[in-house]
PDB file of N, CA and C in Angstrom:
ATOM      1  N   UNK A   1       0.846  -1.195  -0.036  1.00  0.00           N
ATOM      2  CA  UNK A   1       0.012  -0.028  -0.031  1.00  0.00           C
ATOM      3  C   UNK A   1       0.861   1.262   0.002  1.00  0.00           C
ATOM      4  N   UNK A   2       1.798   1.324  -0.898  1.00  0.00           N
ATOM      5  CA  UNK A   2       2.755   2.352  -1.015  1.00  0.00           C
ATOM      6  C   UNK A   2       2.100   3.717  -1.391  1.00  0.00           C
ATOM      7  N   UNK A   3       0.845   3.638  -1.894  1.00  0.00           N
ATOM      8  CA  UNK A   3       0.218   4.926  -2.420  1.00  0.00           C
ATOM      9  C   UNK A   3      -0.785   5.365  -1.322  1.00  0.00           C
ATOM     10  N   UNK A   4      -0.774   4.846  -0.121  1.00  0.00           N
ATOM     11  CA  UNK A   4      -1.612   5.364   0.984  1.00  0.00           C
ATOM     12  C   UNK A   4      -0.766   5.366   2.177  1.00  0.00           C
ATOM     13  N   UNK A   5      -1.234   6.208   3.105  1.00  0.00           N
ATOM     14  CA  UNK A   5      -0.596   6.415   4.439  1.00  0.00           C
ATOM     15  C   UNK A   5      -1.673   6.195   5.465  1.00  0.00           C
ATOM     16  N   UNK A   6      -1.265   5.532   6.598  1.00  0.00           N
ATOM     17  CA  UNK A   6      -2.195   5.374   7.735  1.00  0.00           C
ATOM     18  C   UNK A   6      -1.999   6.587   8.651  1.00  0.00           C
ATOM     19  N   UNK A   7      -3.028   7.330   8.787  1.00  0.00           N
ATOM     20  CA  UNK A   7      -2.932   8.494   9.717  1.00  0.00           C
ATOM     21  C   UNK A   7      -3.845   8.291  10.925  1.00  0.00           C
ATOM     22  N   UNK A   8      -3.341   8.839  12.040  1.00  0.00           N
ATOM     23  CA  UNK A   8      -4.158   8.932  13.260  1.00  0.00           C
ATOM     24  C   UNK A   8      -4.620  10.318  13.365  1.00  0.00           C
ATOM     25  N   UNK A   9      -5.966  10.598  13.340  1.00  0.00           N
ATOM     26  CA  UNK A   9      -6.503  11.961  13.283  1.00  0.00           C
ATOM     27  C   UNK A   9      -7.277  12.135  14.493  1.00  0.00           C
ATOM     28  N   UNK A  10      -6.899  13.216  15.307  1.00  0.00           N
ATOM     29  CA  UNK A  10      -7.581  13.513  16.540  1.00  0.00           C
ATOM     30  C   UNK A  10      -8.563  14.646  16.330  1.00  0.00           C
ATOM     31  N   UNK A  11      -9.742  14.462  16.859  1.00  0.00           N
ATOM     32  CA  UNK A  11     -10.700  15.526  16.884  1.00  0.00           C
ATOM     33  C   UNK A  11     -10.633  16.258  18.232  1.00  0.00           C
ATOM     34  N   UNK A  12     -10.085  17.416  18.321  1.00  0.00           N
ATOM     35  CA  UNK A  12      -9.785  18.043  19.557  1.00  0.00           C
ATOM     36  C   UNK A  12     -10.974  18.233  20.506  1.00  0.00           C
ATOM     37  N   UNK A  13     -12.175  18.501  19.834  1.00  0.00           N
ATOM     38  CA  UNK A  13     -13.319  18.739  20.688  1.00  0.00           C
ATOM     39  C   UNK A  13     -13.810  17.587  21.430  1.00  0.00           C
ATOM     40  N   UNK A  14     -13.557  16.391  20.923  1.00  0.00           N
ATOM     41  CA  UNK A  14     -13.991  15.133  21.651  1.00  0.00           C
ATOM     42  C   UNK A  14     -12.877  14.303  22.130  1.00  0.00           C
ATOM     43  N   UNK A  15     -11.551  14.693  21.732  1.00  0.00           N
ATOM     44  CA  UNK A  15     -10.429  13.953  22.081  1.00  0.00           C
ATOM     45  C   UNK A  15     -10.409  12.534  21.600  1.00  0.00           C
ATOM     46  N   UNK A  16     -11.278  12.209  20.641  1.00  0.00           N
ATOM     47  CA  UNK A  16     -11.365  10.952  19.962  1.00  0.00           C
ATOM     48  C   UNK A  16     -10.202  10.880  18.862  1.00  0.00           C
ATOM     49  N   UNK A  17      -9.604   9.785  18.678  1.00  0.00           N
ATOM     50  CA  UNK A  17      -8.650   9.570  17.560  1.00  0.00           C
ATOM     51  C   UNK A  17      -9.221   8.552  16.644  1.00  0.00           C
ATOM     52  N   UNK A  18      -8.980   8.832  15.307  1.00  0.00           N
ATOM     53  CA  UNK A  18      -9.567   7.929  14.311  1.00  0.00           C
ATOM     54  C   UNK A  18      -8.308   7.488  13.466  1.00  0.00           C
ATOM     55  N   UNK A  19      -8.360   6.309  13.107  1.00  0.00           N
ATOM     56  CA  UNK A  19      -7.300   5.725  12.203  1.00  0.00           C
ATOM     57  C   UNK A  19      -7.825   5.605  10.793  1.00  0.00           C
ATOM     58  N   UNK A  20      -7.118   6.252   9.916  1.00  0.00           N
ATOM     59  CA  UNK A  20      -7.677   6.278   8.526  1.00  0.00           C
ATOM     60  C   UNK A  20      -6.507   6.003   7.546  1.00  0.00           C
ATOM     61  N   UNK A  21      -6.738   5.304   6.485  1.00  0.00           N
ATOM     62  CA  UNK A  21      -5.773   5.056   5.473  1.00  0.00           C
ATOM     63  C   UNK A  21      -6.181   6.020   4.371  1.00  0.00           C
ATOM     64  N   UNK A  22      -5.204   6.897   3.961  1.00  0.00           N
ATOM     65  CA  UNK A  22      -5.569   7.977   2.949  1.00  0.00           C
ATOM     66  C   UNK A  22      -4.597   7.882   1.816  1.00  0.00           C
ATOM     67  N   UNK A  23      -5.114   8.121   0.545  1.00  0.00           N
ATOM     68  CA  UNK A  23      -4.314   8.110  -0.559  1.00  0.00           C
ATOM     69  C   UNK A  23      -3.373   9.303  -0.570  1.00  0.00           C
ATOM     70  N   UNK A  24      -2.067   9.136  -0.803  1.00  0.00           N
ATOM     71  CA  UNK A  24      -1.082  10.228  -0.709  1.00  0.00           C
ATOM     72  C   UNK A  24      -1.184  11.128  -1.915  1.00  0.00           C
ATOM     73  N   UNK A  25      -1.954  10.779  -2.937  1.00  0.00           N
ATOM     74  CA  UNK A  25      -2.083  11.721  -4.086  1.00  0.00           C
ATOM     75  C   UNK A  25      -3.175  12.795  -3.859  1.00  0.00           C
ATOM     76  N   UNK A  26      -3.950  12.657  -2.773  1.00  0.00           N
ATOM     77  CA  UNK A  26      -4.768  13.737  -2.425  1.00  0.00           C
ATOM     78  C   UNK A  26      -4.086  14.997  -1.915  1.00  0.00           C
ATOM     79  N   UNK A  27      -4.711  16.184  -2.158  1.00  0.00           N
ATOM     80  CA  UNK A  27      -4.091  17.332  -1.482  1.00  0.00           C
ATOM     81  C   UNK A  27      -4.455  17.299  -0.010  1.00  0.00           C
ATOM     82  N   UNK A  28      -3.822  18.036   0.852  1.00  0.00           N
ATOM     83  CA  UNK A  28      -4.121  18.030   2.190  1.00  0.00           C
ATOM     84  C   UNK A  28      -5.583  18.630   2.379  1.00  0.00           C
ATOM     85  N   UNK A  29      -5.940  19.557   1.566  1.00  0.00           N
ATOM     86  CA  UNK A  29      -7.354  20.125   1.659  1.00  0.00           C
ATOM     87  C   UNK A  29      -8.337  19.072   1.397  1.00  0.00           C
ATOM     88  N   UNK A  30      -8.089  18.275   0.327  1.00  0.00           N
ATOM     89  CA  UNK A  30      -8.983  17.214  -0.069  1.00  0.00           C
ATOM     90  C   UNK A  30      -9.150  16.128   1.004  1.00  0.00           C
ATOM     91  N   UNK A  31      -7.981  15.790   1.575  1.00  0.00           N
ATOM     92  CA  UNK A  31      -7.898  14.740   2.597  1.00  0.00           C
ATOM     93  C   UNK A  31      -8.640  15.260   3.850  1.00  0.00           C
ATOM     94  N   UNK A  32      -8.368  16.514   4.215  1.00  0.00           N
ATOM     95  CA  UNK A  32      -9.000  17.025   5.349  1.00  0.00           C
ATOM     96  C   UNK A  32     -10.517  17.153   5.286  1.00  0.00           C
ATOM     97  N   UNK A  33     -11.025  17.457   4.101  1.00  0.00           N
ATOM     98  CA  UNK A  33     -12.430  17.563   3.848  1.00  0.00           C
ATOM     99  C   UNK A  33     -13.032  16.250   3.952  1.00  0.00           C
ATOM    100  N   UNK A  34     -12.443  15.218   3.406  1.00  0.00           N
ATOM    101  CA  UNK A  34     -12.863  13.884   3.387  1.00  0.00           C
ATOM    102  C   UNK A  34     -12.875  13.318   4.803  1.00  0.00           C
ATOM    103  N   UNK A  35     -11.807  13.528   5.550  1.00  0.00           N
ATOM    104  CA  UNK A  35     -11.700  13.035   6.947  1.00  0.00           C
ATOM    105  C   UNK A  35     -12.662  13.747   7.816  1.00  0.00           C
ATOM    106  N   UNK A  36     -12.886  15.022   7.667  1.00  0.00           N
ATOM    107  CA  UNK A  36     -13.853  15.811   8.385  1.00  0.00           C
ATOM    108  C   UNK A  36     -15.285  15.284   8.136  1.00  0.00           C
ATOM    109  N   UNK A  37     -15.563  14.975   6.892  1.00  0.00           N
ATOM    110  CA  UNK A  37     -17.013  14.450   6.729  1.00  0.00           C
ATOM    111  C   UNK A  37     -17.140  13.058   7.263  1.00  0.00           C
ATOM    112  N   UNK A  38     -16.144  12.235   7.167  1.00  0.00           N
ATOM    113  CA  UNK A  38     -16.245  10.869   7.808  1.00  0.00           C
ATOM    114  C   UNK A  38     -16.418  11.065   9.365  1.00  0.00           C
ATOM    115  N   UNK A  39     -15.568  11.949   9.976  1.00  0.00           N
ATOM    116  CA  UNK A  39     -15.713  12.148  11.410  1.00  0.00           C
ATOM    117  C   UNK A  39     -17.041  12.714  11.785  1.00  0.00           C
ATOM    118  N   UNK A  40     -17.567  13.659  11.003  1.00  0.00           N
ATOM    119  CA  UNK A  40     -18.847  14.305  11.234  1.00  0.00           C
ATOM    120  C   UNK A  40     -19.956  13.320  11.225  1.00  0.00           C
ATOM    121  N   UNK A  41     -19.910  12.277  10.344  1.00  0.00           N
ATOM    122  CA  UNK A  41     -20.906  11.235  10.228  1.00  0.00           C
ATOM    123  C   UNK A  41     -20.899  10.312  11.386  1.00  0.00           C
ATOM    124  N   UNK A  42     -19.635  10.219  11.961  1.00  0.00           N
ATOM    125  CA  UNK A  42     -19.514   9.363  13.149  1.00  0.00           C
ATOM    126  C   UNK A  42     -19.880   9.990  14.415  1.00  0.00           C
ATOM    127  N   UNK A  43     -19.623  11.329  14.439  1.00  0.00           N
ATOM    128  CA  UNK A  43     -19.842  12.164  15.646  1.00  0.00           C
ATOM    129  C   UNK A  43     -20.994  13.157  15.489  1.00  0.00           C
ATOM    130  N   UNK A  44     -22.097  12.606  15.043  1.00  0.00           N
ATOM    131  CA  UNK A  44     -23.359  13.392  14.890  1.00  0.00           C
ATOM    132  C   UNK A  44     -23.569  14.261  16.146  1.00  0.00           C
ATOM    133  N   UNK A  45     -23.965  15.481  15.811  1.00  0.00           N
ATOM    134  CA  UNK A  45     -24.257  16.411  16.847  1.00  0.00           C
ATOM    135  C   UNK A  45     -23.137  16.921  17.720  1.00  0.00           C
ATOM    136  N   UNK A  46     -22.020  16.296  17.628  1.00  0.00           N
ATOM    137  CA  UNK A  46     -20.827  16.723  18.342  1.00  0.00           C
ATOM    138  C   UNK A  46     -19.811  17.372  17.551  1.00  0.00           C
ATOM    139  N   UNK A  47     -19.875  17.310  16.228  1.00  0.00           N
ATOM    140  CA  UNK A  47     -18.817  17.880  15.348  1.00  0.00           C
ATOM    141  C   UNK A  47     -19.510  18.251  13.988  1.00  0.00           C
ATOM    142  N   UNK A  48     -19.314  19.505  13.675  1.00  0.00           N
ATOM    143  CA  UNK A  48     -19.778  20.038  12.370  1.00  0.00           C
ATOM    144  C   UNK A  48     -18.493  20.747  11.749  1.00  0.00           C
ATOM    145  N   UNK A  49     -18.033  20.127  10.595  1.00  0.00           N
ATOM    146  CA  UNK A  49     -16.826  20.702  10.024  1.00  0.00           C
ATOM    147  C   UNK A  49     -17.134  22.011   9.377  1.00  0.00           C
ATOM    148  N   UNK A  50     -16.086  22.909   9.482  1.00  0.00           N
ATOM    149  CA  UNK A  50     -16.241  24.199   8.780  1.00  0.00           C
ATOM    150  C   UNK A  50     -15.767  24.064   7.323  1.00  0.00           C
ATOM    151  N   UNK A  51     -15.859  25.144   6.534  1.00  0.00           N
ATOM    152  CA  UNK A  51     -15.515  25.126   5.126  1.00  0.00           C
ATOM    153  C   UNK A  51     -13.874  25.156   5.051  1.00  0.00           C
ATOM    154  N   UNK A  52     -13.222  25.635   5.946  1.00  0.00           N
ATOM    155  CA  UNK A  52     -11.746  25.764   5.944  1.00  0.00           C
ATOM    156  C   UNK A  52     -11.008  24.767   6.832  1.00  0.00           C
ATOM    157  N   UNK A  53     -11.461  23.546   6.917  1.00  0.00           N
ATOM    158  CA  UNK A  53     -10.892  22.473   7.821  1.00  0.00           C
ATOM    159  C   UNK A  53      -9.468  22.227   7.203  1.00  0.00           C
ATOM    160  N   UNK A  54      -8.622  21.915   8.120  1.00  0.00           N
ATOM    161  CA  UNK A  54      -7.175  21.566   7.784  1.00  0.00           C
ATOM    162  C   UNK A  54      -6.654  20.537   8.713  1.00  0.00           C
ATOM    163  N   UNK A  55      -5.423  20.188   8.527  1.00  0.00           N
ATOM    164  CA  UNK A  55      -4.731  19.198   9.277  1.00  0.00           C
ATOM    165  C   UNK A  55      -3.365  19.739   9.938  1.00  0.00           C
ATOM    166  N   UNK A  56      -3.230  19.529  11.236  1.00  0.00           N
ATOM    167  CA  UNK A  56      -2.103  19.952  11.926  1.00  0.00           C
ATOM    168  C   UNK A  56      -1.318  18.778  12.534  1.00  0.00           C
ATOM    169  N   UNK A  57       0.019  18.840  12.473  1.00  0.00           N
ATOM    170  CA  UNK A  57       0.841  17.739  13.094  1.00  0.00           C
ATOM    171  C   UNK A  57       0.826  17.989  14.624  1.00  0.00           C
ATOM    172  N   UNK A  58       0.555  16.816  15.326  1.00  0.00           N
ATOM    173  CA  UNK A  58       0.459  16.993  16.776  1.00  0.00           C
ATOM    174  C   UNK A  58       1.701  16.518  17.622  1.00  0.00           C
ATOM    175  N   UNK A  59       2.526  15.797  16.997  1.00  0.00           N
ATOM    176  CA  UNK A  59       3.654  15.129  17.670  1.00  0.00           C
ATOM    177  C   UNK A  59       5.054  15.383  16.961  1.00  0.00           C
ATOM    178  N   UNK A  60       6.097  15.225  17.584  1.00  0.00           N
ATOM    179  CA  UNK A  60       7.478  15.253  17.057  1.00  0.00           C
ATOM    180  C   UNK A  60       7.944  16.636  16.765  1.00  0.00           C
ATOM    181  N   UNK A  61       9.028  16.673  15.962  1.00  0.00           N
ATOM    182  CA  UNK A  61       9.705  18.041  15.653  1.00  0.00           C
ATOM    183  C   UNK A  61       8.836  18.954  14.873  1.00  0.00           C
ATOM    184  N   UNK A  62       7.836  18.489  14.269  1.00  0.00           N
ATOM    185  CA  UNK A  62       6.872  19.374  13.466  1.00  0.00           C
ATOM    186  C   UNK A  62       5.604  19.670  14.200  1.00  0.00           C
ATOM    187  N   UNK A  63       5.540  19.327  15.467  1.00  0.00           N
ATOM    188  CA  UNK A  63       4.339  19.546  16.215  1.00  0.00           C
ATOM    189  C   UNK A  63       3.759  21.017  16.121  1.00  0.00           C
ATOM    190  N   UNK A  64       2.528  21.129  15.884  1.00  0.00           N
ATOM    191  CA  UNK A  64       1.993  22.503  15.804  1.00  0.00           C
ATOM    192  C   UNK A  64       1.996  23.090  14.360  1.00  0.00           C
ATOM    193  N   UNK A  65       2.528  22.349  13.471  1.00  0.00           N
ATOM    194  CA  UNK A  65       2.668  22.869  11.982  1.00  0.00           C
ATOM    195  C   UNK A  65       1.342  22.387  11.300  1.00  0.00           C
ATOM    196  N   UNK A  66       0.706  23.450  10.625  1.00  0.00           N
ATOM    197  CA  UNK A  66      -0.403  23.220   9.879  1.00  0.00           C
ATOM    198  C   UNK A  66       0.085  22.915   8.512  1.00  0.00           C
ATOM    199  N   UNK A  67      -0.481  21.813   7.951  1.00  0.00           N
ATOM    200  CA  UNK A  67      -0.065  21.309   6.615  1.00  0.00           C
ATOM    201  C   UNK A  67      -0.760  22.164   5.594  1.00  0.00           C
ATOM    202  N   UNK A  68      -0.017  22.624   4.641  1.00  0.00           N
ATOM    203  CA  UNK A  68      -0.535  23.478   3.542  1.00  0.00           C
ATOM    204  C   UNK A  68      -1.606  22.702   2.743  1.00  0.00           C
ATOM    205  N   UNK A  69      -2.743  23.315   2.545  1.00  0.00           N
ATOM    206  CA  UNK A  69      -3.829  22.678   1.967  1.00  0.00           C
ATOM    207  C   UNK A  69      -3.694  22.292   0.550  1.00  0.00           C
ATOM    208  N   UNK A  70      -2.918  23.053  -0.227  1.00  0.00           N
ATOM    209  CA  UNK A  70      -2.768  22.791  -1.703  1.00  0.00           C
ATOM    210  C   UNK A  70      -1.695  21.826  -1.934  1.00  0.00           C
ATOM    211  N   UNK A  71      -0.878  21.434  -1.018  1.00  0.00           N
ATOM    212  CA  UNK A  71       0.177  20.466  -1.269  1.00  0.00           C
ATOM    213  C   UNK A  71      -0.448  19.009  -1.136  1.00  0.00           C
ATOM    214  N   UNK A  72       0.149  18.083  -1.802  1.00  0.00           N
ATOM    215  CA  UNK A  72      -0.297  16.793  -1.715  1.00  0.00           C
ATOM    216  C   UNK A  72       0.325  16.101  -0.526  1.00  0.00           C
ATOM    217  N   UNK A  73      -0.409  15.101  -0.012  1.00  0.00           N
ATOM    218  CA  UNK A  73       0.155  14.405   1.177  1.00  0.00           C
ATOM    219  C   UNK A  73       1.466  13.730   0.775  1.00  0.00           C
ATOM    220  N   UNK A  74       1.603  13.374  -0.465  1.00  0.00           N
ATOM    221  CA  UNK A  74       2.875  12.714  -0.970  1.00  0.00           C
ATOM    222  C   UNK A  74       4.021  13.652  -0.627  1.00  0.00           C
ATOM    223  N   UNK A  75       3.856  15.006  -0.837  1.00  0.00           N
ATOM    224  CA  UNK A  75       4.906  15.937  -0.629  1.00  0.00           C
ATOM    225  C   UNK A  75       5.389  15.857   0.859  1.00  0.00           C
ATOM    226  N   UNK A  76       4.395  15.689   1.863  1.00  0.00           N
ATOM    227  CA  UNK A  76       4.810  15.640   3.193  1.00  0.00           C
ATOM    228  C   UNK A  76       5.384  14.250   3.592  1.00  0.00           C
ATOM    229  N   UNK A  77       4.912  13.164   2.860  1.00  0.00           N
ATOM    230  CA  UNK A  77       5.492  11.885   3.099  1.00  0.00           C
ATOM    231  C   UNK A  77       6.946  11.995   2.588  1.00  0.00           C
ATOM    232  N   UNK A  78       7.184  12.465   1.461  1.00  0.00           N
ATOM    233  CA  UNK A  78       8.657  12.540   0.906  1.00  0.00           C
ATOM    234  C   UNK A  78       9.493  13.389   1.766  1.00  0.00           C
ATOM    235  N   UNK A  79       8.907  14.403   2.403  1.00  0.00           N
ATOM    236  CA  UNK A  79       9.712  15.324   3.301  1.00  0.00           C
ATOM    237  C   UNK A  79       9.925  14.606   4.652  1.00  0.00           C
ATOM    238  N   UNK A  80       9.212  13.528   4.899  1.00  0.00           N
ATOM    239  CA  UNK A  80       9.463  12.839   6.182  1.00  0.00           C
ATOM    240  C   UNK A  80       8.586  13.361   7.303  1.00  0.00           C
ATOM    241  N   UNK A  81       7.739  14.316   7.001  1.00  0.00           N
ATOM    242  CA  UNK A  81       6.891  14.856   8.065  1.00  0.00           C
ATOM    243  C   UNK A  81       5.654  14.044   8.350  1.00  0.00           C
ATOM    244  N   UNK A  82       5.253  13.192   7.313  1.00  0.00           N
ATOM    245  CA  UNK A  82       4.030  12.400   7.525  1.00  0.00           C
ATOM    246  C   UNK A  82       4.429  11.006   7.129  1.00  0.00           C
ATOM    247  N   UNK A  83       4.078  10.029   7.976  1.00  0.00           N
ATOM    248  CA  UNK A  83       4.340   8.625   7.675  1.00  0.00           C
ATOM    249  C   UNK A  83       3.228   7.799   8.346  1.00  0.00           C
ATOM    250  N   UNK A  84       3.208   6.518   8.197  1.00  0.00           N
ATOM    251  CA  UNK A  84       2.223   5.666   8.784  1.00  0.00           C
ATOM    252  C   UNK A  84       2.285   5.918  10.328  1.00  0.00           C
ATOM    253  N   UNK A  85       1.161   6.198  10.933  1.00  0.00           N
ATOM    254  CA  UNK A  85       1.003   6.393  12.335  1.00  0.00           C
ATOM    255  C   UNK A  85       1.212   7.884  12.830  1.00  0.00           C
ATOM    256  N   UNK A  86       1.350   8.815  11.882  1.00  0.00           N
ATOM    257  CA  UNK A  86       1.497  10.184  12.239  1.00  0.00           C
ATOM    258  C   UNK A  86       0.236  10.687  12.880  1.00  0.00           C
ATOM    259  N   UNK A  87       0.354  11.421  13.994  1.00  0.00           N
ATOM    260  CA  UNK A  87      -0.854  11.890  14.802  1.00  0.00           C
ATOM    261  C   UNK A  87      -1.066  13.379  14.309  1.00  0.00           C
ATOM    262  N   UNK A  88      -2.236  13.497  13.688  1.00  0.00           N
ATOM    263  CA  UNK A  88      -2.627  14.819  13.152  1.00  0.00           C
ATOM    264  C   UNK A  88      -3.944  15.240  13.895  1.00  0.00           C
ATOM    265  N   UNK A  89      -4.219  16.568  13.842  1.00  0.00           N
ATOM    266  CA  UNK A  89      -5.519  17.017  14.410  1.00  0.00           C
ATOM    267  C   UNK A  89      -6.346  17.713  13.295  1.00  0.00           C
ATOM    268  N   UNK A  90      -7.582  17.585  13.326  1.00  0.00           N
ATOM    269  CA  UNK A  90      -8.447  18.406  12.475  1.00  0.00           C
ATOM    270  C   UNK A  90      -8.405  19.856  12.979  1.00  0.00           C
ATOM    271  N   UNK A  91      -8.087  20.730  12.118  1.00  0.00           N
ATOM    272  CA  UNK A  91      -7.872  22.065  12.592  1.00  0.00           C
ATOM    273  C   UNK A  91      -8.792  23.011  11.780  1.00  0.00           C
TER     274      UNK A  91
END
């Protein structure tokens, strides 16, 4: 599954973490929107995603960094910032 990355995505409002396998060819914006809609379906009445949802790194040397929405996830994988098991937050 070289074209996908396993992400751990935390929803700060509920502190729930979701494990999702995402195609690295998606832009961060596309991935964030898809993840937000999946989480919203799971967390009815507790989470409504906004139009400008994004992804932020929560651990490691890049903690607190917001991933640029127009870049592909592959860019961040190649950079070493995102890999299987990276903990991100919906921001």
